[in-house]
Amino acid sequence: MSNYAERANDIVKAVHLLRQHGVAVGFPMQTADGEIIFSVGKDTLTADQLLELLERGELHAEGVRRLVEAQASATPVRRQAASS
């Protein structure tokens, strides 16, 4: 999503719902490339991920956990060879 302003109300709604479920959500931050991110519990989610959870009706701690785990398993971990 490139234009967060168009979905600002949905993002606010998502943050509010997470907080209602007792999930700590920090203030929005912006990455160097313009992506909006939030500290959600012990994890960091993008605004797009929050909107995805909102659309799926999974704005609760378990929904966040499943999303983070799914993305961790989908992203291969790169290991650097030890230099000699």
N, C-alpha and C. Protein backbone atom coordinates (compact mmCIF):
# COMPACT_ATOMS: atom_id res chain seq x y z
N MET A 1 0.87 -1.17 0.00
CA MET A 1 0.00 0.00 0.00
C MET A 1 0.90 1.22 0.00
N SER A 2 0.65 2.11 -0.91
CA SER A 2 1.52 3.29 -1.01
C SER A 2 0.90 4.52 -0.37
N ASN A 3 -0.41 4.57 -0.25
CA ASN A 3 -1.04 5.76 0.29
C ASN A 3 -1.77 5.45 1.59
N TYR A 4 -1.05 5.63 2.70
CA TYR A 4 -1.63 5.32 4.00
C TYR A 4 -2.73 6.30 4.39
N ALA A 5 -2.69 7.51 3.83
CA ALA A 5 -3.69 8.52 4.17
C ALA A 5 -5.09 8.05 3.82
N GLU A 6 -5.23 7.29 2.74
CA GLU A 6 -6.54 6.80 2.32
C GLU A 6 -7.12 5.79 3.31
N ARG A 7 -6.26 5.10 4.03
CA ARG A 7 -6.72 4.08 4.98
C ARG A 7 -6.46 4.46 6.43
N ALA A 8 -6.20 5.74 6.68
CA ALA A 8 -5.86 6.19 8.02
C ALA A 8 -6.91 5.78 9.05
N ASN A 9 -8.17 5.91 8.72
CA ASN A 9 -9.24 5.55 9.67
C ASN A 9 -9.21 4.06 9.99
N ASP A 10 -8.91 3.24 8.97
CA ASP A 10 -8.82 1.80 9.20
C ASP A 10 -7.64 1.46 10.08
N ILE A 11 -6.52 2.16 9.89
CA ILE A 11 -5.33 1.92 10.71
C ILE A 11 -5.63 2.29 12.16
N VAL A 12 -6.28 3.42 12.38
CA VAL A 12 -6.66 3.84 13.73
C VAL A 12 -7.59 2.81 14.36
N LYS A 13 -8.54 2.31 13.58
CA LYS A 13 -9.47 1.30 14.07
C LYS A 13 -8.72 0.03 14.47
N ALA A 14 -7.76 -0.38 13.65
CA ALA A 14 -6.98 -1.59 13.93
C ALA A 14 -6.21 -1.44 15.24
N VAL A 15 -5.55 -0.30 15.40
CA VAL A 15 -4.78 -0.06 16.63
C VAL A 15 -5.72 -0.07 17.84
N HIS A 16 -6.86 0.58 17.71
CA HIS A 16 -7.84 0.63 18.80
C HIS A 16 -8.32 -0.77 19.18
N LEU A 17 -8.62 -1.59 18.18
CA LEU A 17 -9.09 -2.95 18.47
C LEU A 17 -8.02 -3.79 19.16
N LEU A 18 -6.77 -3.67 18.71
CA LEU A 18 -5.70 -4.39 19.38
C LEU A 18 -5.59 -3.98 20.84
N ARG A 19 -5.64 -2.68 21.08
CA ARG A 19 -5.54 -2.18 22.45
C ARG A 19 -6.72 -2.65 23.30
N GLN A 20 -7.91 -2.75 22.70
CA GLN A 20 -9.08 -3.27 23.43
C GLN A 20 -8.86 -4.72 23.86
N HIS A 21 -8.09 -5.46 23.07
CA HIS A 21 -7.78 -6.86 23.38
C HIS A 21 -6.56 -6.98 24.30
N GLY A 22 -6.08 -5.85 24.81
CA GLY A 22 -4.99 -5.87 25.77
C GLY A 22 -3.60 -5.99 25.15
N VAL A 23 -3.51 -5.75 23.84
CA VAL A 23 -2.21 -5.82 23.17
C VAL A 23 -1.59 -4.42 23.17
N ALA A 24 -0.36 -4.33 23.63
CA ALA A 24 0.33 -3.04 23.64
C ALA A 24 0.72 -2.65 22.22
N VAL A 25 0.32 -1.45 21.82
CA VAL A 25 0.65 -0.95 20.48
C VAL A 25 1.29 0.42 20.65
N GLY A 26 2.49 0.56 20.09
CA GLY A 26 3.21 1.82 20.19
C GLY A 26 2.74 2.83 19.16
N PHE A 27 3.35 4.01 19.23
CA PHE A 27 3.04 5.05 18.26
C PHE A 27 3.58 4.67 16.89
N PRO A 28 2.96 5.18 15.83
CA PRO A 28 3.47 4.86 14.49
C PRO A 28 4.85 5.46 14.27
N MET A 29 5.65 4.72 13.53
CA MET A 29 6.98 5.18 13.14
C MET A 29 7.07 5.02 11.62
N GLN A 30 8.02 5.70 11.03
CA GLN A 30 8.19 5.60 9.58
C GLN A 30 9.61 5.16 9.27
N THR A 31 9.74 4.17 8.38
CA THR A 31 11.05 3.70 7.98
C THR A 31 11.64 4.68 6.97
N ALA A 32 12.91 4.48 6.65
CA ALA A 32 13.59 5.37 5.70
C ALA A 32 12.93 5.34 4.32
N ASP A 33 12.30 4.22 3.98
CA ASP A 33 11.65 4.14 2.67
C ASP A 33 10.16 4.51 2.71
N GLY A 34 9.72 5.07 3.83
CA GLY A 34 8.36 5.60 3.92
C GLY A 34 7.30 4.64 4.43
N GLU A 35 7.69 3.44 4.82
CA GLU A 35 6.73 2.47 5.32
C GLU A 35 6.37 2.81 6.77
N ILE A 36 5.08 2.72 7.11
CA ILE A 36 4.61 2.97 8.47
C ILE A 36 4.67 1.66 9.24
N ILE A 37 5.30 1.70 10.43
CA ILE A 37 5.41 0.51 11.27
C ILE A 37 4.95 0.83 12.69
N PHE A 38 4.56 -0.23 13.40
CA PHE A 38 4.10 -0.12 14.78
C PHE A 38 4.77 -1.19 15.62
N SER A 39 5.09 -0.87 16.84
CA SER A 39 5.51 -1.87 17.80
C SER A 39 4.22 -2.48 18.35
N VAL A 40 4.09 -3.79 18.19
CA VAL A 40 2.88 -4.50 18.62
C VAL A 40 3.33 -5.64 19.52
N GLY A 41 3.11 -5.46 20.82
CA GLY A 41 3.63 -6.44 21.76
C GLY A 41 5.13 -6.47 21.66
N LYS A 42 5.69 -7.65 21.43
CA LYS A 42 7.14 -7.80 21.29
C LYS A 42 7.58 -7.75 19.83
N ASP A 43 6.63 -7.54 18.92
CA ASP A 43 6.93 -7.59 17.49
C ASP A 43 6.76 -6.22 16.85
N THR A 44 7.16 -6.12 15.60
CA THR A 44 6.96 -4.91 14.81
C THR A 44 6.14 -5.29 13.59
N LEU A 45 5.03 -4.60 13.38
CA LEU A 45 4.18 -4.86 12.23
C LEU A 45 4.07 -3.60 11.37
N THR A 46 3.88 -3.81 10.09
CA THR A 46 3.66 -2.69 9.19
C THR A 46 2.17 -2.33 9.22
N ALA A 47 1.87 -1.15 8.73
CA ALA A 47 0.47 -0.74 8.63
C ALA A 47 -0.28 -1.71 7.72
N ASP A 48 0.37 -2.18 6.67
CA ASP A 48 -0.28 -3.16 5.78
C ASP A 48 -0.64 -4.44 6.52
N GLN A 49 0.24 -4.89 7.41
CA GLN A 49 -0.04 -6.10 8.18
C GLN A 49 -1.20 -5.87 9.14
N LEU A 50 -1.26 -4.70 9.76
CA LEU A 50 -2.40 -4.38 10.63
C LEU A 50 -3.70 -4.40 9.84
N LEU A 51 -3.67 -3.82 8.65
CA LEU A 51 -4.87 -3.80 7.81
C LEU A 51 -5.26 -5.21 7.37
N GLU A 52 -4.27 -6.04 7.11
CA GLU A 52 -4.54 -7.44 6.75
C GLU A 52 -5.25 -8.15 7.89
N LEU A 53 -4.75 -7.96 9.12
CA LEU A 53 -5.40 -8.56 10.28
C LEU A 53 -6.81 -8.02 10.48
N LEU A 54 -6.99 -6.73 10.25
CA LEU A 54 -8.32 -6.12 10.37
C LEU A 54 -9.28 -6.77 9.39
N GLU A 55 -8.85 -6.92 8.14
CA GLU A 55 -9.71 -7.50 7.10
C GLU A 55 -10.05 -8.95 7.40
N ARG A 56 -9.11 -9.67 8.04
CA ARG A 56 -9.35 -11.08 8.38
C ARG A 56 -10.06 -11.25 9.71
N GLY A 57 -10.30 -10.16 10.44
CA GLY A 57 -10.95 -10.24 11.74
C GLY A 57 -10.08 -10.89 12.79
N GLU A 58 -8.75 -10.71 12.69
CA GLU A 58 -7.82 -11.35 13.61
C GLU A 58 -6.99 -10.34 14.40
N LEU A 59 -7.61 -9.26 14.80
CA LEU A 59 -6.90 -8.24 15.58
C LEU A 59 -6.93 -8.58 17.06
N HIS A 60 -6.08 -9.54 17.42
CA HIS A 60 -5.90 -9.95 18.81
C HIS A 60 -4.52 -10.57 18.90
N ALA A 61 -4.08 -10.86 20.11
CA ALA A 61 -2.71 -11.36 20.32
C ALA A 61 -2.44 -12.63 19.52
N GLU A 62 -3.40 -13.53 19.47
CA GLU A 62 -3.21 -14.78 18.73
C GLU A 62 -3.08 -14.52 17.23
N GLY A 63 -3.85 -13.59 16.70
CA GLY A 63 -3.76 -13.25 15.28
C GLY A 63 -2.39 -12.66 14.94
N VAL A 64 -1.89 -11.80 15.81
CA VAL A 64 -0.56 -11.20 15.61
C VAL A 64 0.49 -12.31 15.65
N ARG A 65 0.39 -13.20 16.63
CA ARG A 65 1.36 -14.29 16.76
C ARG A 65 1.39 -15.16 15.52
N ARG A 66 0.21 -15.54 15.02
CA ARG A 66 0.14 -16.39 13.81
C ARG A 66 0.74 -15.69 12.60
N LEU A 67 0.46 -14.39 12.46
CA LEU A 67 0.99 -13.63 11.33
C LEU A 67 2.52 -13.59 11.39
N VAL A 68 3.06 -13.28 12.56
CA VAL A 68 4.51 -13.19 12.73
C VAL A 68 5.16 -14.55 12.48
N GLU A 69 4.56 -15.62 13.01
CA GLU A 69 5.12 -16.96 12.80
C GLU A 69 5.06 -17.37 11.33
N ALA A 70 3.96 -17.06 10.66
CA ALA A 70 3.83 -17.41 9.25
C ALA A 70 4.88 -16.70 8.41
N GLN A 71 5.13 -15.45 8.72
CA GLN A 71 6.12 -14.69 7.95
C GLN A 71 7.52 -15.16 8.28
N ALA A 72 7.77 -15.55 9.52
CA ALA A 72 9.10 -16.03 9.90
C ALA A 72 9.41 -17.34 9.18
N SER A 73 8.41 -18.20 9.03
CA SER A 73 8.65 -19.48 8.36
C SER A 73 8.73 -19.31 6.85
N ALA A 74 8.13 -18.25 6.31
CA ALA A 74 8.17 -18.00 4.87
C ALA A 74 9.44 -17.29 4.44
N THR A 75 10.13 -16.65 5.38
CA THR A 75 11.35 -15.91 5.07
C THR A 75 12.55 -16.79 5.39
N PRO A 76 13.30 -17.19 4.37
CA PRO A 76 14.47 -18.02 4.66
C PRO A 76 15.54 -17.23 5.42
N VAL A 77 16.15 -17.88 6.35
CA VAL A 77 17.19 -17.25 7.15
C VAL A 77 18.52 -17.42 6.41
N ARG A 78 19.20 -16.33 6.17
CA ARG A 78 20.48 -16.39 5.48
C ARG A 78 21.58 -16.51 6.53
N ARG A 79 22.47 -17.41 6.29
CA ARG A 79 23.60 -17.59 7.20
C ARG A 79 24.87 -17.24 6.43
N GLN A 80 25.69 -16.45 7.05
CA GLN A 80 26.95 -16.10 6.42
C GLN A 80 28.01 -17.13 6.80
N ALA A 81 28.81 -17.49 5.82
CA ALA A 81 29.92 -18.41 6.10
C ALA A 81 30.95 -17.68 6.93
N ALA A 82 31.53 -18.38 7.88
CA ALA A 82 32.55 -17.76 8.72
C ALA A 82 33.77 -17.47 7.86
N SER A 83 34.28 -16.25 7.97
CA SER A 83 35.45 -15.89 7.17
C SER A 83 36.71 -16.39 7.85
N SER A 84 37.65 -16.87 7.05
CA SER A 84 38.89 -17.42 7.62
C SER A 84 40.00 -16.42 7.58
